[in-house]
Amino acid sequence: MVVRKLFTEQLNELHQHLLKMGVLVNESIFKAVKSLVERDQLLAEQVITEDKAINDMELSLEQGSFELIALQQPVGTDLRKIVTVLKASSDLERIGDHAVSIAKATIQLESSKALKPIPEIPEMGEIVKVMLHDVLNAYLAGDANRAREIAARDNEVDKLHRLVSKKCISLMQEDPEHLEDVTHLLLVAQNLERIGDYITNVSEWIVYLESGEIEELNQ
């Protein structure tokens, strides 16, 4: 009984740690997109610096998960809970990496004012930020149906990504002098699109947590 209580407490700690990591990652997305829109290099550098905390949390979650598996040898639902933490934390860490890439693009763009604004980029940023916020709540509630609905929103992210790509190609043709700057914007859109994909992955792990089956969402 005491062993079971200890296991439950340790598992709850992993869950709380994962949620805290998710909040940090969502802040990173917000800051990265904001730094791009406002050409705020200091904020972009902050995103890059703070990524170490996200990486450290992912390593801590991985270590804690492996220790629980080794010491408690969980099965069934308990094992699924730990696997979900392992997989979701890995996806969150990758989302953080994409936020860093966006911040680095901001720094590369420096104070360029020559580019036409591409409003779909911050729109993509807002969608994925809300998606991540909602998927963390779905994880907390263990709501697989909610997770499926969140994953479906990635279609809009993909649609905007295609639109941004077309606009960037047009800009390259119209103004070859700023080819490098436009390329950075194109990469930003690609990073946001990948963030949407990783949030979809987290949604799939929430479904797995409930059903025990891997269900590919938004294919």
N, C-alpha and C. Protein backbone atom coordinates (compact mmCIF):
# COMPACT_ATOMS: atom_id res chain seq x y z
N MET A 1 0.83 -1.21 0.00
CA MET A 1 0.00 0.00 0.00
C MET A 1 0.86 1.25 0.00
N VAL A 2 1.93 1.20 0.84
CA VAL A 2 2.85 2.34 0.92
C VAL A 2 3.58 2.52 -0.41
N VAL A 3 3.97 1.39 -1.01
CA VAL A 3 4.67 1.43 -2.30
C VAL A 3 3.77 2.05 -3.37
N ARG A 4 2.51 1.65 -3.36
CA ARG A 4 1.56 2.18 -4.35
C ARG A 4 1.36 3.68 -4.19
N LYS A 5 1.29 4.12 -2.94
CA LYS A 5 1.11 5.54 -2.66
C LYS A 5 2.32 6.33 -3.15
N LEU A 6 3.51 5.79 -2.92
CA LEU A 6 4.73 6.46 -3.36
C LEU A 6 4.78 6.54 -4.88
N PHE A 7 4.40 5.45 -5.55
CA PHE A 7 4.38 5.43 -7.01
C PHE A 7 3.41 6.48 -7.55
N THR A 8 2.23 6.57 -6.95
CA THR A 8 1.23 7.54 -7.39
C THR A 8 1.74 8.97 -7.22
N GLU A 9 2.41 9.22 -6.12
CA GLU A 9 2.97 10.55 -5.87
C GLU A 9 4.05 10.89 -6.89
N GLN A 10 4.91 9.93 -7.18
CA GLN A 10 5.98 10.16 -8.16
C GLN A 10 5.41 10.38 -9.55
N LEU A 11 4.37 9.63 -9.89
CA LEU A 11 3.73 9.78 -11.19
C LEU A 11 3.06 11.15 -11.31
N ASN A 12 2.42 11.59 -10.26
CA ASN A 12 1.80 12.92 -10.26
C ASN A 12 2.84 14.02 -10.41
N GLU A 13 4.00 13.81 -9.81
CA GLU A 13 5.09 14.78 -9.96
C GLU A 13 5.53 14.88 -11.42
N LEU A 14 5.60 13.74 -12.09
CA LEU A 14 5.96 13.74 -13.51
C LEU A 14 4.93 14.53 -14.32
N HIS A 15 3.66 14.29 -14.04
CA HIS A 15 2.59 14.99 -14.75
C HIS A 15 2.69 16.50 -14.55
N GLN A 16 2.90 16.91 -13.31
CA GLN A 16 3.00 18.35 -13.01
C GLN A 16 4.23 18.96 -13.68
N HIS A 17 5.31 18.20 -13.69
CA HIS A 17 6.55 18.66 -14.33
C HIS A 17 6.32 18.86 -15.83
N LEU A 18 5.60 17.92 -16.44
CA LEU A 18 5.31 18.02 -17.87
C LEU A 18 4.46 19.26 -18.17
N LEU A 19 3.47 19.51 -17.35
CA LEU A 19 2.62 20.69 -17.54
C LEU A 19 3.42 21.98 -17.42
N LYS A 20 4.33 22.03 -16.45
CA LYS A 20 5.19 23.21 -16.29
C LYS A 20 6.08 23.41 -17.52
N MET A 21 6.58 22.31 -18.04
CA MET A 21 7.38 22.37 -19.26
C MET A 21 6.56 22.91 -20.41
N GLY A 22 5.32 22.45 -20.51
CA GLY A 22 4.43 22.92 -21.58
C GLY A 22 4.17 24.40 -21.50
N VAL A 23 4.01 24.92 -20.29
CA VAL A 23 3.80 26.36 -20.10
C VAL A 23 5.03 27.15 -20.58
N LEU A 24 6.21 26.66 -20.23
CA LEU A 24 7.45 27.32 -20.67
C LEU A 24 7.56 27.31 -22.19
N VAL A 25 7.23 26.19 -22.79
CA VAL A 25 7.31 26.07 -24.25
C VAL A 25 6.32 27.03 -24.91
N ASN A 26 5.12 27.15 -24.35
CA ASN A 26 4.13 28.05 -24.93
C ASN A 26 4.59 29.50 -24.82
N GLU A 27 5.21 29.85 -23.72
CA GLU A 27 5.77 31.19 -23.57
C GLU A 27 6.85 31.44 -24.60
N SER A 28 7.61 30.39 -24.89
CA SER A 28 8.68 30.50 -25.88
C SER A 28 8.12 30.78 -27.27
N ILE A 29 7.03 30.10 -27.63
CA ILE A 29 6.37 30.36 -28.92
C ILE A 29 5.91 31.82 -28.98
N PHE A 30 5.23 32.25 -27.94
CA PHE A 30 4.71 33.62 -27.90
C PHE A 30 5.83 34.65 -28.05
N LYS A 31 6.89 34.47 -27.30
CA LYS A 31 8.01 35.42 -27.35
C LYS A 31 8.70 35.40 -28.71
N ALA A 32 8.85 34.21 -29.28
CA ALA A 32 9.54 34.09 -30.56
C ALA A 32 8.78 34.83 -31.66
N VAL A 33 7.47 34.61 -31.73
CA VAL A 33 6.66 35.27 -32.76
C VAL A 33 6.60 36.78 -32.50
N LYS A 34 6.47 37.15 -31.25
CA LYS A 34 6.44 38.57 -30.90
C LYS A 34 7.76 39.25 -31.29
N SER A 35 8.86 38.57 -31.04
CA SER A 35 10.17 39.14 -31.39
C SER A 35 10.28 39.36 -32.89
N LEU A 36 9.68 38.44 -33.67
CA LEU A 36 9.72 38.58 -35.13
C LEU A 36 8.87 39.76 -35.59
N VAL A 37 7.64 39.81 -35.10
CA VAL A 37 6.71 40.86 -35.53
C VAL A 37 7.23 42.24 -35.16
N GLU A 38 7.81 42.35 -33.96
CA GLU A 38 8.27 43.65 -33.48
C GLU A 38 9.76 43.88 -33.73
N ARG A 39 10.41 42.91 -34.40
CA ARG A 39 11.86 43.00 -34.67
C ARG A 39 12.62 43.28 -33.37
N ASP A 40 12.25 42.53 -32.33
CA ASP A 40 12.83 42.72 -31.00
C ASP A 40 13.93 41.68 -30.78
N GLN A 41 15.16 42.08 -31.02
CA GLN A 41 16.27 41.13 -30.92
C GLN A 41 16.55 40.71 -29.48
N LEU A 42 16.32 41.61 -28.54
CA LEU A 42 16.54 41.25 -27.14
C LEU A 42 15.59 40.14 -26.71
N LEU A 43 14.35 40.23 -27.14
CA LEU A 43 13.37 39.20 -26.83
C LEU A 43 13.73 37.89 -27.53
N ALA A 44 14.23 38.00 -28.75
CA ALA A 44 14.66 36.81 -29.49
C ALA A 44 15.81 36.11 -28.76
N GLU A 45 16.76 36.90 -28.27
CA GLU A 45 17.89 36.33 -27.53
C GLU A 45 17.42 35.68 -26.23
N GLN A 46 16.38 36.23 -25.64
CA GLN A 46 15.81 35.66 -24.42
C GLN A 46 15.24 34.27 -24.70
N VAL A 47 14.56 34.12 -25.83
CA VAL A 47 14.02 32.81 -26.22
C VAL A 47 15.14 31.78 -26.34
N ILE A 48 16.23 32.19 -26.96
CA ILE A 48 17.36 31.28 -27.15
C ILE A 48 17.97 30.89 -25.82
N THR A 49 18.16 31.86 -24.93
CA THR A 49 18.75 31.60 -23.62
C THR A 49 17.87 30.69 -22.77
N GLU A 50 16.57 30.95 -22.79
CA GLU A 50 15.64 30.21 -21.94
C GLU A 50 15.39 28.78 -22.43
N ASP A 51 15.85 28.46 -23.63
CA ASP A 51 15.63 27.11 -24.15
C ASP A 51 16.37 26.07 -23.33
N LYS A 52 17.44 26.46 -22.66
CA LYS A 52 18.20 25.51 -21.83
C LYS A 52 17.30 24.95 -20.72
N ALA A 53 16.45 25.80 -20.14
CA ALA A 53 15.55 25.33 -19.08
C ALA A 53 14.59 24.28 -19.62
N ILE A 54 14.12 24.48 -20.84
CA ILE A 54 13.21 23.50 -21.47
C ILE A 54 13.94 22.19 -21.71
N ASN A 55 15.16 22.28 -22.21
CA ASN A 55 15.95 21.06 -22.46
C ASN A 55 16.22 20.31 -21.15
N ASP A 56 16.54 21.07 -20.10
CA ASP A 56 16.82 20.44 -18.80
C ASP A 56 15.58 19.74 -18.25
N MET A 57 14.42 20.35 -18.45
CA MET A 57 13.18 19.73 -17.97
C MET A 57 12.90 18.43 -18.72
N GLU A 58 13.16 18.43 -20.03
CA GLU A 58 12.94 17.22 -20.82
C GLU A 58 13.85 16.09 -20.33
N LEU A 59 15.10 16.41 -20.04
CA LEU A 59 16.04 15.40 -19.54
C LEU A 59 15.61 14.88 -18.17
N SER A 60 15.13 15.79 -17.33
CA SER A 60 14.67 15.41 -16.00
C SER A 60 13.45 14.48 -16.08
N LEU A 61 12.53 14.80 -16.98
CA LEU A 61 11.34 13.97 -17.17
C LEU A 61 11.72 12.59 -17.71
N GLU A 62 12.67 12.57 -18.62
CA GLU A 62 13.13 11.30 -19.17
C GLU A 62 13.73 10.43 -18.09
N GLN A 63 14.61 11.03 -17.29
CA GLN A 63 15.26 10.29 -16.21
C GLN A 63 14.23 9.79 -15.19
N GLY A 64 13.30 10.66 -14.80
CA GLY A 64 12.28 10.26 -13.84
C GLY A 64 11.39 9.15 -14.36
N SER A 65 11.07 9.21 -15.65
CA SER A 65 10.23 8.17 -16.25
C SER A 65 10.94 6.83 -16.27
N PHE A 66 12.20 6.83 -16.67
CA PHE A 66 12.95 5.58 -16.72
C PHE A 66 13.13 4.98 -15.33
N GLU A 67 13.34 5.84 -14.34
CA GLU A 67 13.50 5.36 -12.97
C GLU A 67 12.22 4.69 -12.47
N LEU A 68 11.08 5.31 -12.78
CA LEU A 68 9.80 4.72 -12.36
C LEU A 68 9.56 3.37 -13.02
N ILE A 69 9.91 3.29 -14.30
CA ILE A 69 9.72 2.03 -15.01
C ILE A 69 10.63 0.95 -14.42
N ALA A 70 11.89 1.31 -14.14
CA ALA A 70 12.86 0.34 -13.63
C ALA A 70 12.51 -0.12 -12.21
N LEU A 71 12.09 0.80 -11.37
CA LEU A 71 11.84 0.48 -9.96
C LEU A 71 10.47 -0.13 -9.71
N GLN A 72 9.46 0.35 -10.45
CA GLN A 72 8.09 -0.08 -10.18
C GLN A 72 7.56 -1.12 -11.17
N GLN A 73 8.21 -1.22 -12.33
CA GLN A 73 7.78 -2.15 -13.38
C GLN A 73 6.27 -2.07 -13.62
N PRO A 74 5.79 -0.88 -13.96
CA PRO A 74 4.34 -0.68 -14.13
C PRO A 74 3.83 -1.40 -15.39
N VAL A 75 2.54 -1.68 -15.39
CA VAL A 75 1.88 -2.28 -16.54
C VAL A 75 0.57 -1.55 -16.78
N GLY A 76 -0.06 -1.87 -17.92
CA GLY A 76 -1.38 -1.32 -18.20
C GLY A 76 -1.43 0.19 -18.23
N THR A 77 -2.43 0.74 -17.56
CA THR A 77 -2.65 2.19 -17.56
C THR A 77 -1.48 2.95 -16.96
N ASP A 78 -0.88 2.40 -15.91
CA ASP A 78 0.25 3.07 -15.28
C ASP A 78 1.42 3.22 -16.25
N LEU A 79 1.69 2.18 -17.00
CA LEU A 79 2.78 2.23 -17.98
C LEU A 79 2.45 3.24 -19.08
N ARG A 80 1.20 3.26 -19.51
CA ARG A 80 0.79 4.21 -20.55
C ARG A 80 0.99 5.65 -20.08
N LYS A 81 0.73 5.91 -18.82
CA LYS A 81 0.91 7.26 -18.28
C LYS A 81 2.37 7.69 -18.37
N ILE A 82 3.26 6.77 -18.05
CA ILE A 82 4.69 7.10 -18.09
C ILE A 82 5.17 7.26 -19.53
N VAL A 83 4.73 6.38 -20.41
CA VAL A 83 5.09 6.47 -21.83
C VAL A 83 4.60 7.80 -22.40
N THR A 84 3.40 8.21 -22.02
CA THR A 84 2.85 9.48 -22.50
C THR A 84 3.72 10.65 -22.06
N VAL A 85 4.18 10.63 -20.82
CA VAL A 85 5.07 11.68 -20.33
C VAL A 85 6.36 11.70 -21.14
N LEU A 86 6.92 10.53 -21.36
CA LEU A 86 8.17 10.42 -22.14
C LEU A 86 8.01 10.99 -23.54
N LYS A 87 6.98 10.55 -24.23
CA LYS A 87 6.78 10.95 -25.61
C LYS A 87 6.38 12.41 -25.73
N ALA A 88 5.46 12.85 -24.88
CA ALA A 88 4.99 14.24 -24.95
C ALA A 88 6.10 15.22 -24.60
N SER A 89 6.94 14.87 -23.63
CA SER A 89 8.03 15.77 -23.25
C SER A 89 9.03 15.91 -24.39
N SER A 90 9.24 14.83 -25.14
CA SER A 90 10.12 14.89 -26.30
C SER A 90 9.55 15.81 -27.37
N ASP A 91 8.23 15.71 -27.60
CA ASP A 91 7.57 16.59 -28.58
C ASP A 91 7.64 18.05 -28.14
N LEU A 92 7.44 18.30 -26.85
CA LEU A 92 7.50 19.68 -26.33
C LEU A 92 8.91 20.25 -26.50
N GLU A 93 9.91 19.42 -26.26
CA GLU A 93 11.29 19.89 -26.42
C GLU A 93 11.56 20.30 -27.85
N ARG A 94 11.02 19.55 -28.79
CA ARG A 94 11.22 19.88 -30.20
C ARG A 94 10.47 21.16 -30.58
N ILE A 95 9.30 21.36 -29.98
CA ILE A 95 8.58 22.62 -30.20
C ILE A 95 9.44 23.79 -29.73
N GLY A 96 10.08 23.62 -28.57
CA GLY A 96 10.98 24.65 -28.07
C GLY A 96 12.11 24.94 -29.04
N ASP A 97 12.63 23.89 -29.67
CA ASP A 97 13.71 24.06 -30.66
C ASP A 97 13.23 24.89 -31.84
N HIS A 98 11.99 24.68 -32.27
CA HIS A 98 11.44 25.44 -33.40
C HIS A 98 11.22 26.92 -33.00
N ALA A 99 10.85 27.15 -31.76
CA ALA A 99 10.73 28.53 -31.28
C ALA A 99 12.09 29.22 -31.31
N VAL A 100 13.12 28.49 -30.96
CA VAL A 100 14.48 29.04 -31.03
C VAL A 100 14.85 29.38 -32.47
N SER A 101 14.48 28.52 -33.39
CA SER A 101 14.77 28.78 -34.81
C SER A 101 14.08 30.06 -35.29
N ILE A 102 12.86 30.29 -34.81
CA ILE A 102 12.15 31.53 -35.16
C ILE A 102 12.88 32.74 -34.58
N ALA A 103 13.34 32.59 -33.33
CA ALA A 103 14.07 33.68 -32.69
C ALA A 103 15.37 33.97 -33.44
N LYS A 104 16.05 32.94 -33.90
CA LYS A 104 17.29 33.13 -34.66
C LYS A 104 17.01 33.83 -35.99
N ALA A 105 15.85 33.55 -36.59
CA ALA A 105 15.47 34.23 -37.83
C ALA A 105 15.27 35.72 -37.57
N THR A 106 14.68 36.04 -36.42
CA THR A 106 14.50 37.45 -36.04
C THR A 106 15.84 38.16 -36.00
N ILE A 107 16.82 37.51 -35.40
CA ILE A 107 18.15 38.11 -35.28
C ILE A 107 18.79 38.26 -36.67
N GLN A 108 18.60 37.28 -37.52
CA GLN A 108 19.15 37.35 -38.88
C GLN A 108 18.52 38.49 -39.68
N LEU A 109 17.25 38.72 -39.46
CA LEU A 109 16.55 39.78 -40.19
C LEU A 109 16.98 41.17 -39.72
N GLU A 110 17.54 41.23 -38.52
CA GLU A 110 18.01 42.48 -37.92
C GLU A 110 16.89 43.52 -37.98
N SER A 111 17.17 44.68 -38.53
CA SER A 111 16.17 45.76 -38.51
C SER A 111 15.57 45.99 -39.90
N SER A 112 15.53 44.91 -40.69
CA SER A 112 15.01 45.05 -42.05
C SER A 112 13.57 45.56 -42.05
N LYS A 113 13.35 46.65 -42.73
CA LYS A 113 12.00 47.22 -42.85
C LYS A 113 11.50 47.13 -44.30
N ALA A 114 12.31 46.52 -45.14
CA ALA A 114 11.99 46.52 -46.57
C ALA A 114 10.90 45.52 -46.93
N LEU A 115 10.74 44.51 -46.08
CA LEU A 115 9.78 43.46 -46.42
C LEU A 115 8.34 43.90 -46.20
N LYS A 116 7.49 43.45 -47.09
CA LYS A 116 6.06 43.66 -46.88
C LYS A 116 5.62 42.77 -45.71
N PRO A 117 4.70 43.24 -44.89
CA PRO A 117 4.23 42.40 -43.78
C PRO A 117 3.47 41.19 -44.32
N ILE A 118 3.66 40.07 -43.66
CA ILE A 118 2.93 38.85 -44.02
C ILE A 118 2.09 38.49 -42.80
N PRO A 119 0.84 38.94 -42.75
CA PRO A 119 0.02 38.79 -41.55
C PRO A 119 -0.28 37.34 -41.18
N GLU A 120 -0.17 36.43 -42.16
CA GLU A 120 -0.47 35.03 -41.87
C GLU A 120 0.55 34.41 -40.92
N ILE A 121 1.77 34.99 -40.84
CA ILE A 121 2.77 34.42 -39.96
C ILE A 121 2.38 34.59 -38.49
N PRO A 122 2.10 35.82 -38.02
CA PRO A 122 1.61 35.91 -36.62
C PRO A 122 0.29 35.19 -36.40
N GLU A 123 -0.52 35.07 -37.45
CA GLU A 123 -1.77 34.32 -37.33
C GLU A 123 -1.48 32.85 -37.06
N MET A 124 -0.51 32.30 -37.77
CA MET A 124 -0.07 30.92 -37.51
C MET A 124 0.43 30.79 -36.08
N GLY A 125 1.21 31.78 -35.65
CA GLY A 125 1.76 31.76 -34.30
C GLY A 125 0.68 31.74 -33.24
N GLU A 126 -0.37 32.52 -33.45
CA GLU A 126 -1.47 32.58 -32.49
C GLU A 126 -2.22 31.25 -32.44
N ILE A 127 -2.43 30.65 -33.60
CA ILE A 127 -3.16 29.37 -33.64
C ILE A 127 -2.40 28.28 -32.89
N VAL A 128 -1.09 28.15 -33.16
CA VAL A 128 -0.34 27.08 -32.50
C VAL A 128 -0.20 27.34 -31.01
N LYS A 129 -0.12 28.62 -30.63
CA LYS A 129 -0.03 28.95 -29.20
C LYS A 129 -1.30 28.51 -28.48
N VAL A 130 -2.44 28.79 -29.06
CA VAL A 130 -3.72 28.39 -28.46
C VAL A 130 -3.86 26.86 -28.50
N MET A 131 -3.42 26.25 -29.58
CA MET A 131 -3.47 24.79 -29.67
C MET A 131 -2.68 24.14 -28.54
N LEU A 132 -1.48 24.66 -28.29
CA LEU A 132 -0.65 24.07 -27.24
C LEU A 132 -1.28 24.29 -25.86
N HIS A 133 -1.81 25.49 -25.64
CA HIS A 133 -2.50 25.76 -24.37
C HIS A 133 -3.65 24.78 -24.18
N ASP A 134 -4.42 24.56 -25.22
CA ASP A 134 -5.58 23.68 -25.12
C ASP A 134 -5.19 22.22 -24.98
N VAL A 135 -4.10 21.82 -25.64
CA VAL A 135 -3.71 20.42 -25.56
C VAL A 135 -3.17 20.10 -24.17
N LEU A 136 -2.56 21.07 -23.51
CA LEU A 136 -2.11 20.85 -22.13
C LEU A 136 -3.31 20.65 -21.21
N ASN A 137 -4.36 21.42 -21.44
CA ASN A 137 -5.59 21.24 -20.66
C ASN A 137 -6.25 19.89 -20.95
N ALA A 138 -6.19 19.48 -22.23
CA ALA A 138 -6.75 18.17 -22.59
C ALA A 138 -5.97 17.05 -21.92
N TYR A 139 -4.66 17.22 -21.83
CA TYR A 139 -3.81 16.24 -21.16
C TYR A 139 -4.16 16.17 -19.67
N LEU A 140 -4.33 17.33 -19.07
CA LEU A 140 -4.66 17.41 -17.65
C LEU A 140 -6.00 16.72 -17.37
N ALA A 141 -6.95 16.90 -18.30
CA ALA A 141 -8.28 16.31 -18.12
C ALA A 141 -8.37 14.88 -18.64
N GLY A 142 -7.35 14.43 -19.37
CA GLY A 142 -7.41 13.11 -19.99
C GLY A 142 -8.52 13.01 -21.01
N ASP A 143 -8.70 14.10 -21.77
CA ASP A 143 -9.84 14.22 -22.69
C ASP A 143 -9.40 13.90 -24.13
N ALA A 144 -9.60 12.66 -24.55
CA ALA A 144 -9.17 12.23 -25.88
C ALA A 144 -9.96 12.92 -26.98
N ASN A 145 -11.25 13.12 -26.78
CA ASN A 145 -12.07 13.78 -27.80
C ASN A 145 -11.61 15.22 -28.01
N ARG A 146 -11.28 15.88 -26.94
CA ARG A 146 -10.76 17.24 -27.03
C ARG A 146 -9.43 17.24 -27.79
N ALA A 147 -8.61 16.24 -27.52
CA ALA A 147 -7.31 16.13 -28.20
C ALA A 147 -7.51 15.96 -29.71
N ARG A 148 -8.48 15.18 -30.10
CA ARG A 148 -8.76 14.99 -31.53
C ARG A 148 -9.18 16.31 -32.17
N GLU A 149 -10.01 17.06 -31.48
CA GLU A 149 -10.49 18.35 -32.00
C GLU A 149 -9.32 19.33 -32.17
N ILE A 150 -8.41 19.32 -31.21
CA ILE A 150 -7.25 20.22 -31.27
C ILE A 150 -6.36 19.85 -32.46
N ALA A 151 -6.15 18.56 -32.65
CA ALA A 151 -5.31 18.11 -33.77
C ALA A 151 -5.90 18.53 -35.10
N ALA A 152 -7.22 18.56 -35.20
CA ALA A 152 -7.88 18.94 -36.46
C ALA A 152 -7.58 20.39 -36.83
N ARG A 153 -7.27 21.22 -35.83
CA ARG A 153 -6.97 22.63 -36.11
C ARG A 153 -5.66 22.80 -36.89
N ASP A 154 -4.85 21.76 -36.88
CA ASP A 154 -3.59 21.85 -37.61
C ASP A 154 -3.82 22.02 -39.10
N ASN A 155 -5.00 21.66 -39.58
CA ASN A 155 -5.33 21.88 -40.99
C ASN A 155 -5.25 23.36 -41.35
N GLU A 156 -5.70 24.21 -40.44
CA GLU A 156 -5.65 25.66 -40.68
C GLU A 156 -4.21 26.15 -40.70
N VAL A 157 -3.38 25.60 -39.83
CA VAL A 157 -1.95 25.95 -39.82
C VAL A 157 -1.32 25.57 -41.15
N ASP A 158 -1.62 24.38 -41.63
CA ASP A 158 -1.08 23.92 -42.91
C ASP A 158 -1.54 24.82 -44.06
N LYS A 159 -2.81 25.22 -44.01
CA LYS A 159 -3.37 26.09 -45.04
C LYS A 159 -2.66 27.43 -45.07
N LEU A 160 -2.43 28.00 -43.90
CA LEU A 160 -1.74 29.29 -43.81
C LEU A 160 -0.28 29.15 -44.25
N HIS A 161 0.32 28.01 -43.93
CA HIS A 161 1.70 27.77 -44.35
C HIS A 161 1.82 27.78 -45.87
N ARG A 162 0.87 27.15 -46.53
CA ARG A 162 0.89 27.14 -48.00
C ARG A 162 0.72 28.55 -48.55
N LEU A 163 -0.14 29.33 -47.91
CA LEU A 163 -0.37 30.71 -48.35
C LEU A 163 0.88 31.56 -48.16
N VAL A 164 1.53 31.41 -47.02
CA VAL A 164 2.77 32.16 -46.76
C VAL A 164 3.85 31.77 -47.78
N SER A 165 3.93 30.50 -48.08
CA SER A 165 4.92 30.03 -49.05
C SER A 165 4.71 30.70 -50.41
N LYS A 166 3.45 30.78 -50.85
CA LYS A 166 3.13 31.43 -52.12
C LYS A 166 3.52 32.91 -52.08
N LYS A 167 3.20 33.56 -50.98
CA LYS A 167 3.53 34.98 -50.85
C LYS A 167 5.04 35.21 -50.85
N CYS A 168 5.76 34.32 -50.18
CA CYS A 168 7.22 34.45 -50.14
C CYS A 168 7.83 34.26 -51.53
N ILE A 169 7.32 33.32 -52.27
CA ILE A 169 7.82 33.09 -53.63
C ILE A 169 7.56 34.33 -54.49
N SER A 170 6.39 34.92 -54.33
CA SER A 170 6.06 36.16 -55.08
C SER A 170 7.01 37.28 -54.69
N LEU A 171 7.29 37.40 -53.40
CA LEU A 171 8.21 38.45 -52.93
C LEU A 171 9.61 38.24 -53.49
N MET A 172 10.04 37.00 -53.55
CA MET A 172 11.36 36.69 -54.11
C MET A 172 11.45 37.12 -55.57
N GLN A 173 10.36 36.92 -56.29
CA GLN A 173 10.35 37.28 -57.71
C GLN A 173 10.27 38.79 -57.89
N GLU A 174 9.51 39.46 -57.03
CA GLU A 174 9.33 40.90 -57.15
C GLU A 174 10.55 41.69 -56.67
N ASP A 175 11.22 41.14 -55.64
CA ASP A 175 12.31 41.89 -55.01
C ASP A 175 13.48 40.96 -54.70
N PRO A 176 14.22 40.54 -55.72
CA PRO A 176 15.33 39.60 -55.51
C PRO A 176 16.41 40.14 -54.57
N GLU A 177 16.45 41.45 -54.39
CA GLU A 177 17.47 42.05 -53.53
C GLU A 177 17.34 41.58 -52.09
N HIS A 178 16.10 41.25 -51.69
CA HIS A 178 15.86 40.82 -50.31
C HIS A 178 15.55 39.32 -50.24
N LEU A 179 16.18 38.58 -51.13
CA LEU A 179 15.95 37.14 -51.21
C LEU A 179 16.26 36.44 -49.88
N GLU A 180 17.37 36.82 -49.26
CA GLU A 180 17.77 36.17 -48.01
C GLU A 180 16.76 36.44 -46.89
N ASP A 181 16.29 37.69 -46.80
CA ASP A 181 15.31 38.03 -45.77
C ASP A 181 14.01 37.25 -45.96
N VAL A 182 13.56 37.16 -47.20
CA VAL A 182 12.32 36.42 -47.47
C VAL A 182 12.49 34.94 -47.14
N THR A 183 13.68 34.43 -47.40
CA THR A 183 13.97 33.03 -47.07
C THR A 183 13.82 32.79 -45.57
N HIS A 184 14.27 33.75 -44.77
CA HIS A 184 14.12 33.62 -43.31
C HIS A 184 12.65 33.58 -42.92
N LEU A 185 11.83 34.40 -43.58
CA LEU A 185 10.39 34.38 -43.29
C LEU A 185 9.76 33.05 -43.67
N LEU A 186 10.22 32.52 -44.79
CA LEU A 186 9.72 31.22 -45.24
C LEU A 186 10.06 30.13 -44.22
N LEU A 187 11.28 30.21 -43.67
CA LEU A 187 11.70 29.24 -42.66
C LEU A 187 10.90 29.39 -41.37
N VAL A 188 10.55 30.62 -41.04
CA VAL A 188 9.70 30.85 -39.86
C VAL A 188 8.37 30.14 -40.02
N ALA A 189 7.76 30.30 -41.19
CA ALA A 189 6.48 29.64 -41.46
C ALA A 189 6.62 28.12 -41.39
N GLN A 190 7.74 27.60 -41.87
CA GLN A 190 7.97 26.16 -41.82
C GLN A 190 8.09 25.69 -40.37
N ASN A 191 8.75 26.50 -39.55
CA ASN A 191 8.89 26.15 -38.14
C ASN A 191 7.54 26.14 -37.43
N LEU A 192 6.70 27.11 -37.74
CA LEU A 192 5.36 27.16 -37.14
C LEU A 192 4.52 25.96 -37.59
N GLU A 193 4.69 25.59 -38.86
CA GLU A 193 3.96 24.42 -39.37
C GLU A 193 4.40 23.15 -38.63
N ARG A 194 5.69 23.05 -38.35
CA ARG A 194 6.20 21.88 -37.63
C ARG A 194 5.72 21.87 -36.19
N ILE A 195 5.60 23.05 -35.60
CA ILE A 195 5.06 23.13 -34.24
C ILE A 195 3.65 22.55 -34.20
N GLY A 196 2.85 22.90 -35.21
CA GLY A 196 1.50 22.33 -35.30
C GLY A 196 1.53 20.82 -35.37
N ASP A 197 2.50 20.28 -36.10
CA ASP A 197 2.63 18.82 -36.22
C ASP A 197 2.96 18.19 -34.87
N TYR A 198 3.85 18.82 -34.12
CA TYR A 198 4.23 18.26 -32.82
C TYR A 198 3.11 18.35 -31.81
N ILE A 199 2.31 19.39 -31.90
CA ILE A 199 1.14 19.48 -31.03
C ILE A 199 0.16 18.36 -31.38
N THR A 200 0.05 18.06 -32.66
CA THR A 200 -0.78 16.92 -33.08
C THR A 200 -0.24 15.63 -32.48
N ASN A 201 1.09 15.49 -32.44
CA ASN A 201 1.69 14.31 -31.80
C ASN A 201 1.27 14.19 -30.35
N VAL A 202 1.31 15.32 -29.64
CA VAL A 202 0.91 15.30 -28.22
C VAL A 202 -0.55 14.88 -28.10
N SER A 203 -1.37 15.36 -29.02
CA SER A 203 -2.78 14.96 -29.03
C SER A 203 -2.91 13.45 -29.19
N GLU A 204 -2.07 12.88 -30.05
CA GLU A 204 -2.11 11.43 -30.27
C GLU A 204 -1.74 10.67 -29.01
N TRP A 205 -0.81 11.22 -28.22
CA TRP A 205 -0.42 10.54 -26.98
C TRP A 205 -1.52 10.63 -25.93
N ILE A 206 -2.31 11.70 -25.98
CA ILE A 206 -3.45 11.80 -25.07
C ILE A 206 -4.49 10.74 -25.41
N VAL A 207 -4.71 10.53 -26.70
CA VAL A 207 -5.63 9.48 -27.15
C VAL A 207 -5.10 8.11 -26.73
N TYR A 208 -3.80 7.91 -26.90
CA TYR A 208 -3.16 6.65 -26.48
C TYR A 208 -3.32 6.42 -24.99
N LEU A 209 -3.20 7.48 -24.22
CA LEU A 209 -3.32 7.37 -22.77
C LEU A 209 -4.69 6.81 -22.38
N GLU A 210 -5.71 7.21 -23.12
CA GLU A 210 -7.06 6.75 -22.80
C GLU A 210 -7.35 5.36 -23.37
N SER A 211 -6.91 5.13 -24.62
CA SER A 211 -7.32 3.90 -25.32
C SER A 211 -6.28 2.80 -25.35
N GLY A 212 -5.02 3.19 -25.21
CA GLY A 212 -3.94 2.21 -25.33
C GLY A 212 -3.58 1.93 -26.77
N GLU A 213 -4.15 2.67 -27.70
CA GLU A 213 -3.87 2.47 -29.12
C GLU A 213 -3.32 3.75 -29.75
N ILE A 214 -2.39 3.58 -30.69
CA ILE A 214 -1.84 4.71 -31.42
C ILE A 214 -2.79 5.06 -32.56
N GLU A 215 -3.34 6.24 -32.52
CA GLU A 215 -4.28 6.69 -33.53
C GLU A 215 -3.69 7.92 -34.26
N GLU A 216 -3.46 7.77 -35.55
CA GLU A 216 -2.90 8.88 -36.30
C GLU A 216 -3.98 9.94 -36.55
N LEU A 217 -3.70 11.14 -36.09
CA LEU A 217 -4.68 12.22 -36.20
C LEU A 217 -4.27 13.18 -37.30
N ASN A 218 -5.28 13.74 -37.95
CA ASN A 218 -5.06 14.81 -38.93
C ASN A 218 -4.13 14.39 -40.04
N GLN A 219 -4.33 13.20 -40.59
CA GLN A 219 -3.49 12.72 -41.69
C GLN A 219 -4.10 13.10 -43.04
